[in-house]
Each structure stands twice: as C-alpha cells, then as structure tokens.
Amino acid sequence: MAVITKITTQQKNKDRFNIFMDYGKGEEYAFSVDSDVLIRFQLKKGLEIDDFSIIEIQFQDDIRKAYNLAVNFLARRMRSEKEIRDYLIQKEVEEPIINEVLHKLAAHKYINDEEYAFSFVRTQMNTTDKGPDLIRMELKDRGINEVIIKHAMAEYPKEDQVEKAIKVTEKLIKKSSKESQRIAKQKAEQFLLRKGYPFEVIHLALNEAETDKEQDEEMEAIRYQGEKAHRKYSKYSGFEYEQKMKQALYRKGFSMELIEKYLGEIEKS
C-alpha cells in the first residue's frame, strides 16, 4: 500500500494533477491524472492505494488522454471510426485504450459511420467535381462498410451525376479552345473517368453537353496547331511537307476537310 502525500496542479495544464506518494521511503512523484479521473477515484491527500488501484487509475487516465486527443481531432470535421483509430495508432495509443475510446465516442454520438457517410457524399457532390465511383472508393478507404456505402450513395442519383458531368465537360471544352473538338472531347472523357464517373454517365454527358465548336473556333484551333506543326516540319517542302502536316493535324483530331482548307490558306499567304 502507498499513501498520497500531495496533489499539485500542473503549471502548463490546469486540468491535470501531479500525484505524490509515499511508498515507505519518503515522498516522491508517482503519476499524473486528468481532473475527471481525480474526481472519479476520489483521490486526495492521505488516501491509501494498492498497486492494482494505481494500475486501474493510470489505465483510465490513458483513456482520458486518448479520448481528448480524439475529440480535438474530431473538432476539425466529422471523422469515420477508422480515421479515429488510424489517428490514435499514429499517436502510439495502445489497442485496448483505442477500443475504449471508440466505444465512448460512439456512446456520446461523436462518431457514427452512417451519418458520416451520408454527410460525406453530400459534401463531395456539392463542393467537388468527383464522380460516384471515386466517392465510393474514398468512403471505402475511410473504413465505411459496403451496406452503408450503398445507402449513402443514393444521395447522389444518376440524374445529378449526369448534370455534374455535363457542367464539367462544358467547362473543359471552353478551356480547350486551342484543341480540335475531337481531342477536346477525348480529354473531357479521360478527365471524367479519372474523377470516377461511369461510362454510361460520361456517354450521356458528352452527348448532352454543348460541345460543338463554331466553325471559326475550330479554324482558330487548327491555325494554332498548324503553326506548331509548321515550325517542326518547315525543313521539308512540297509533297513531303504537305503529307507530314496532314498527318500531324489529323492526329490532333481535325477533319481532312478542315486540314485541306487550312493548308490552302497558308499556301496563299
């Protein structure tokens, strides 16, 4: 048995207390505790404590410290259970303590994977250009189970996916003024794939989006690409030059009709 001889408040943290005890060899620092643990175990000067009680007190204090870490982590935004677990593992918190903390957080309704998943889907849908497949993958990475993911993804119906994909496509096409219409569409398709849109949605978006360039816009694009190609092949002449220019511009997605028109234009200049 040991006797508590003194309890002092820590200077840098007024919610923590240093416990000093006499183990029979005089007073010495024993451990520190959170204010809640101090009250829970009714720690006070003169109290006798056995070794088992000290272990239990320190275990509960470790839970409090890990719990406070988790709450501060949650204060920034909602987190999934896996995110909390991974964070506490990173902080070198032991598994039994992590389990106690997660149980306590769930009991206080600070974590709820279903609510988290629904909120995550709505946020990603409203604030990003991500498609459903990418959002689904991110939920899985955050430890959300497949049943919850399926229910949460209902917040992002197909019609909303198509609408978002159309907006993204039209925005990308406008930025691709120096590309042929065909290449601009290909780049939009590749972008939508990377963002997690399914092929069916991409197909609908590309068909419904206003992607057709005016003839003068396509002409401006071929002039830009043509100047680049000319700098590369200017050392050639005659038939060889014409063939290399046609091949280069065709690979850039321009129609043969437009290519012939452009080559006729530069021949006159």
Protein backbone atom coordinates (compact mmCIF):
# COMPACT_ATOMS: atom_id res chain seq x y z
CA MET A 1 0.00 0.00 0.00
CA ALA A 2 1.08 3.59 -0.64
CA VAL A 3 -0.26 6.88 0.68
CA ILE A 4 -0.96 10.03 -1.32
CA THR A 5 1.09 12.78 0.31
CA LYS A 6 0.47 15.68 -2.04
CA ILE A 7 -1.58 16.67 -5.13
CA THR A 8 -0.50 19.66 -7.23
CA THR A 9 -1.91 21.31 -10.34
CA GLN A 10 0.33 21.22 -13.40
CA GLN A 11 1.55 24.66 -14.45
CA LYS A 12 1.03 24.20 -18.19
CA ASN A 13 -2.26 22.29 -17.94
CA LYS A 14 -4.66 23.26 -15.17
CA ASP A 15 -6.84 20.19 -15.90
CA ARG A 16 -4.07 17.78 -14.93
CA PHE A 17 -2.76 16.98 -11.48
CA ASN A 18 0.53 15.54 -10.23
CA ILE A 19 0.15 12.85 -7.58
CA PHE A 20 2.93 12.40 -5.00
CA MET A 21 3.02 9.29 -2.84
CA ASP A 22 4.97 7.69 -0.02
CA TYR A 23 5.87 4.06 -0.73
CA GLY A 24 7.64 3.76 2.63
CA LYS A 25 10.81 5.54 1.56
CA GLY A 26 9.59 9.13 1.64
CA GLU A 27 7.55 11.29 -0.70
CA GLU A 28 8.07 11.01 -4.46
CA TYR A 29 6.24 11.80 -7.69
CA ALA A 30 4.04 8.85 -8.70
CA PHE A 31 1.91 9.81 -11.71
CA SER A 32 -0.40 12.48 -13.13
CA VAL A 33 -4.12 12.32 -13.80
CA ASP A 34 -6.90 14.17 -15.59
CA SER A 35 -9.35 16.14 -13.43
CA ASP A 36 -12.16 13.69 -14.29
CA VAL A 37 -10.04 10.73 -13.15
CA LEU A 38 -9.11 12.60 -9.97
CA ILE A 39 -12.80 13.07 -9.15
CA ARG A 40 -13.86 9.59 -10.27
CA PHE A 41 -11.39 7.85 -7.94
CA GLN A 42 -11.79 10.49 -5.22
CA LEU A 43 -8.04 10.96 -4.99
CA LYS A 44 -6.96 13.12 -2.05
CA LYS A 45 -4.13 13.58 0.40
CA GLY A 46 -3.89 10.72 2.92
CA LEU A 47 -5.68 8.17 0.72
CA GLU A 48 -4.12 4.71 0.76
CA ILE A 49 -3.92 2.99 -2.65
CA ASP A 50 -2.80 -0.52 -3.54
CA ASP A 51 -0.86 -1.46 -6.69
CA PHE A 52 -3.92 -2.77 -8.53
CA SER A 53 -5.78 0.52 -7.97
CA ILE A 54 -2.81 2.51 -9.26
CA ILE A 55 -2.77 0.42 -12.46
CA GLU A 56 -6.53 0.97 -12.92
CA ILE A 57 -6.20 4.72 -12.29
CA GLN A 58 -3.41 5.03 -14.84
CA PHE A 59 -5.36 2.96 -17.37
CA GLN A 60 -8.40 5.22 -17.01
CA ASP A 61 -6.19 8.29 -17.29
CA ASP A 62 -4.67 6.92 -20.51
CA ILE A 63 -8.21 6.55 -21.84
CA ARG A 64 -8.96 10.16 -20.91
CA LYS A 65 -5.83 11.42 -22.66
CA ALA A 66 -6.60 9.40 -25.80
CA TYR A 67 -10.25 10.49 -25.65
CA ASN A 68 -9.21 14.15 -25.52
CA LEU A 69 -6.91 13.59 -28.50
CA ALA A 70 -9.79 12.07 -30.45
CA VAL A 71 -12.21 14.88 -29.54
CA ASN A 72 -9.71 17.52 -30.67
CA PHE A 73 -9.23 15.58 -33.90
CA LEU A 74 -13.00 15.49 -34.39
CA ALA A 75 -13.31 19.22 -33.72
CA ARG A 76 -11.93 19.99 -37.19
CA ARG A 77 -14.56 17.94 -39.07
CA MET A 78 -16.54 14.72 -38.95
CA ARG A 79 -14.45 11.54 -38.93
CA SER A 80 -15.13 7.88 -39.54
CA GLU A 81 -14.31 5.28 -36.90
CA LYS A 82 -11.35 4.09 -38.98
CA GLU A 83 -9.97 7.63 -39.26
CA ILE A 84 -10.07 7.97 -35.46
CA ARG A 85 -8.46 4.56 -34.99
CA ASP A 86 -5.70 5.33 -37.50
CA TYR A 87 -5.05 8.70 -35.86
CA LEU A 88 -4.71 7.18 -32.38
CA ILE A 89 -2.45 4.41 -33.72
CA GLN A 90 -0.29 7.14 -35.21
CA LYS A 91 -0.16 8.73 -31.75
CA GLU A 92 1.06 5.34 -30.41
CA VAL A 93 -2.04 4.69 -28.32
CA GLU A 94 -2.44 1.03 -27.38
CA GLU A 95 -5.22 -1.08 -28.91
CA PRO A 96 -7.24 -1.72 -25.68
CA ILE A 97 -7.33 2.03 -25.00
CA ILE A 98 -8.35 2.81 -28.59
CA ASN A 99 -11.25 0.37 -28.30
CA GLU A 100 -12.41 2.04 -25.07
CA VAL A 101 -12.17 5.49 -26.66
CA LEU A 102 -14.15 4.46 -29.75
CA HIS A 103 -16.84 2.91 -27.56
CA LYS A 104 -17.06 6.11 -25.54
CA LEU A 105 -17.18 8.34 -28.63
CA ALA A 106 -19.98 6.24 -30.12
CA ALA A 107 -21.92 6.32 -26.84
CA HIS A 108 -21.70 10.13 -26.84
CA LYS A 109 -22.71 10.14 -30.53
CA TYR A 110 -19.47 11.84 -31.56
CA ILE A 111 -18.90 9.21 -34.24
CA ASN A 112 -21.43 7.47 -36.44
CA ASP A 113 -20.24 5.92 -39.69
CA GLU A 114 -23.68 6.06 -41.30
CA GLU A 115 -24.15 9.78 -40.60
CA TYR A 116 -20.57 10.37 -41.69
CA ALA A 117 -21.10 8.57 -45.00
CA PHE A 118 -24.28 10.48 -45.87
CA SER A 119 -22.63 13.79 -44.99
CA PHE A 120 -19.50 12.90 -46.95
CA VAL A 121 -21.45 12.06 -50.11
CA ARG A 122 -23.48 15.28 -49.93
CA THR A 123 -20.37 17.39 -49.36
CA GLN A 124 -18.40 15.81 -52.20
CA MET A 125 -21.39 16.06 -54.53
CA ASN A 126 -21.98 19.75 -53.76
CA THR A 127 -18.43 21.06 -53.46
CA THR A 128 -16.29 18.97 -55.84
CA ASP A 129 -16.40 17.58 -59.38
CA LYS A 130 -15.94 13.98 -58.21
CA GLY A 131 -17.98 11.18 -59.70
CA PRO A 132 -19.72 8.40 -57.77
CA ASP A 133 -17.02 5.76 -58.25
CA LEU A 134 -14.33 7.98 -56.74
CA ILE A 135 -16.56 8.98 -53.81
CA ARG A 136 -17.41 5.32 -53.22
CA MET A 137 -13.71 4.42 -53.19
CA GLU A 138 -12.91 7.22 -50.73
CA LEU A 139 -15.63 6.01 -48.37
CA LYS A 140 -14.20 2.50 -48.55
CA ASP A 141 -10.73 3.88 -47.75
CA ARG A 142 -12.24 5.52 -44.68
CA GLY A 143 -13.45 2.16 -43.42
CA ILE A 144 -17.15 2.52 -44.23
CA ASN A 145 -18.80 -0.86 -44.88
CA GLU A 146 -20.43 -1.70 -48.18
CA VAL A 147 -24.03 -1.67 -46.88
CA ILE A 148 -23.66 1.88 -45.54
CA ILE A 149 -21.87 3.00 -48.72
CA LYS A 150 -24.72 1.68 -50.86
CA HIS A 151 -27.33 3.57 -48.83
CA ALA A 152 -25.26 6.77 -48.73
CA MET A 153 -24.63 6.77 -52.48
CA ALA A 154 -28.37 7.06 -53.01
CA GLU A 155 -27.80 10.73 -52.12
CA TYR A 156 -26.04 11.08 -55.50
CA PRO A 157 -28.61 9.81 -58.06
CA LYS A 158 -27.79 9.22 -61.71
CA GLU A 159 -29.52 12.40 -62.93
CA ASP A 160 -27.33 14.50 -60.63
CA GLN A 161 -24.24 12.65 -61.83
CA VAL A 162 -25.11 13.44 -65.44
CA GLU A 163 -25.84 17.08 -64.62
CA LYS A 164 -22.49 17.46 -62.86
CA ALA A 165 -20.65 15.66 -65.68
CA ILE A 166 -22.25 17.97 -68.26
CA LYS A 167 -21.07 21.07 -66.38
CA VAL A 168 -17.57 19.66 -66.06
CA THR A 169 -17.49 18.75 -69.76
CA GLU A 170 -18.65 22.18 -70.93
CA LYS A 171 -16.10 23.87 -68.67
CA LEU A 172 -13.28 21.70 -70.03
CA ILE A 173 -14.32 22.26 -73.65
CA LYS A 174 -14.21 26.04 -73.13
CA LYS A 175 -10.69 25.73 -71.75
CA SER A 176 -9.64 23.63 -74.76
CA SER A 177 -10.01 26.41 -77.32
CA LYS A 178 -6.66 25.53 -78.90
CA GLU A 179 -7.59 21.86 -79.35
CA SER A 180 -9.73 20.26 -82.01
CA GLN A 181 -13.27 19.39 -80.99
CA ARG A 182 -12.48 15.67 -81.12
CA ILE A 183 -9.39 15.95 -78.91
CA ALA A 184 -11.21 18.27 -76.51
CA LYS A 185 -13.96 15.67 -76.11
CA GLN A 186 -11.41 12.90 -75.62
CA LYS A 187 -9.68 14.88 -72.88
CA ALA A 188 -13.03 15.57 -71.22
CA GLU A 189 -13.84 11.85 -71.33
CA GLN A 190 -10.47 10.94 -69.79
CA PHE A 191 -10.91 13.56 -67.07
CA LEU A 192 -14.38 12.28 -66.17
CA LEU A 193 -13.04 8.73 -65.98
CA ARG A 194 -10.29 9.82 -63.58
CA LYS A 195 -12.89 11.61 -61.50
CA GLY A 196 -14.89 8.43 -61.08
CA TYR A 197 -17.82 8.78 -63.47
CA PRO A 198 -19.14 5.54 -65.00
CA PHE A 199 -19.06 5.12 -68.79
CA GLU A 200 -22.83 5.39 -69.10
CA VAL A 201 -22.88 8.79 -67.38
CA ILE A 202 -19.91 10.02 -69.44
CA HIS A 203 -21.61 8.97 -72.67
CA LEU A 204 -24.80 10.82 -71.72
CA ALA A 205 -22.86 13.92 -70.64
CA LEU A 206 -20.82 14.11 -73.85
CA ASN A 207 -24.00 13.75 -75.93
CA GLU A 208 -25.98 16.34 -73.96
CA ALA A 209 -23.25 18.91 -73.29
CA GLU A 210 -22.84 21.87 -75.59
CA THR A 211 -19.53 20.77 -77.06
CA ASP A 212 -19.87 21.68 -80.73
CA LYS A 213 -17.45 24.43 -81.67
CA GLU A 214 -18.35 27.11 -84.17
CA GLN A 215 -16.55 26.78 -87.49
CA ASP A 216 -14.42 29.85 -86.82
CA GLU A 217 -13.42 28.47 -83.38
CA GLU A 218 -12.28 25.20 -84.96
CA MET A 219 -10.42 27.20 -87.59
CA GLU A 220 -8.61 29.18 -84.91
CA ALA A 221 -7.64 25.92 -83.22
CA ILE A 222 -6.21 24.39 -86.40
CA ARG A 223 -4.25 27.58 -87.07
CA TYR A 224 -2.68 27.36 -83.63
CA GLN A 225 -1.82 23.67 -84.01
CA GLY A 226 -0.78 24.24 -87.61
CA GLU A 227 1.78 26.89 -86.64
CA LYS A 228 3.33 24.46 -84.18
CA ALA A 229 3.43 21.71 -86.80
CA HIS A 230 4.90 24.10 -89.38
CA ARG A 231 7.79 25.00 -87.07
CA LYS A 232 8.55 21.30 -86.78
CA TYR A 233 8.30 20.44 -90.49
CA SER A 234 9.40 23.68 -92.16
CA LYS A 235 12.64 21.99 -93.25
CA TYR A 236 10.58 19.84 -95.64
CA SER A 237 8.98 21.05 -98.85
CA GLY A 238 6.49 20.07 -101.49
CA PHE A 239 4.62 16.79 -101.20
CA GLU A 240 6.65 15.60 -98.17
CA TYR A 241 5.86 18.78 -96.22
CA GLU A 242 2.16 18.56 -97.08
CA GLN A 243 1.92 14.91 -96.01
CA LYS A 244 3.65 15.50 -92.69
CA MET A 245 1.40 18.48 -91.96
CA LYS A 246 -1.72 16.45 -92.82
CA GLN A 247 -0.63 13.56 -90.59
CA ALA A 248 0.20 15.86 -87.68
CA LEU A 249 -3.08 17.77 -87.85
CA TYR A 250 -5.11 14.60 -88.34
CA ARG A 251 -3.57 13.16 -85.18
CA LYS A 252 -4.66 16.35 -83.45
CA GLY A 253 -8.25 15.47 -84.26
CA PHE A 254 -9.03 17.77 -87.19
CA SER A 255 -11.08 16.61 -90.17
CA MET A 256 -9.40 16.19 -93.55
CA GLU A 257 -11.77 18.83 -94.97
CA LEU A 258 -10.59 21.39 -92.41
CA ILE A 259 -6.96 20.38 -92.88
CA GLU A 260 -7.23 20.91 -96.65
CA LYS A 261 -8.82 24.29 -96.02
CA TYR A 262 -6.04 25.31 -93.66
CA LEU A 263 -3.25 24.14 -95.98
CA GLY A 264 -4.87 26.07 -98.83
CA GLU A 265 -4.97 29.12 -96.58
CA ILE A 266 -1.27 29.02 -95.70
CA GLU A 267 -0.32 28.27 -99.31
CA LYS A 268 -1.89 31.55 -100.36
CA SER A 269 -0.17 33.51 -97.59
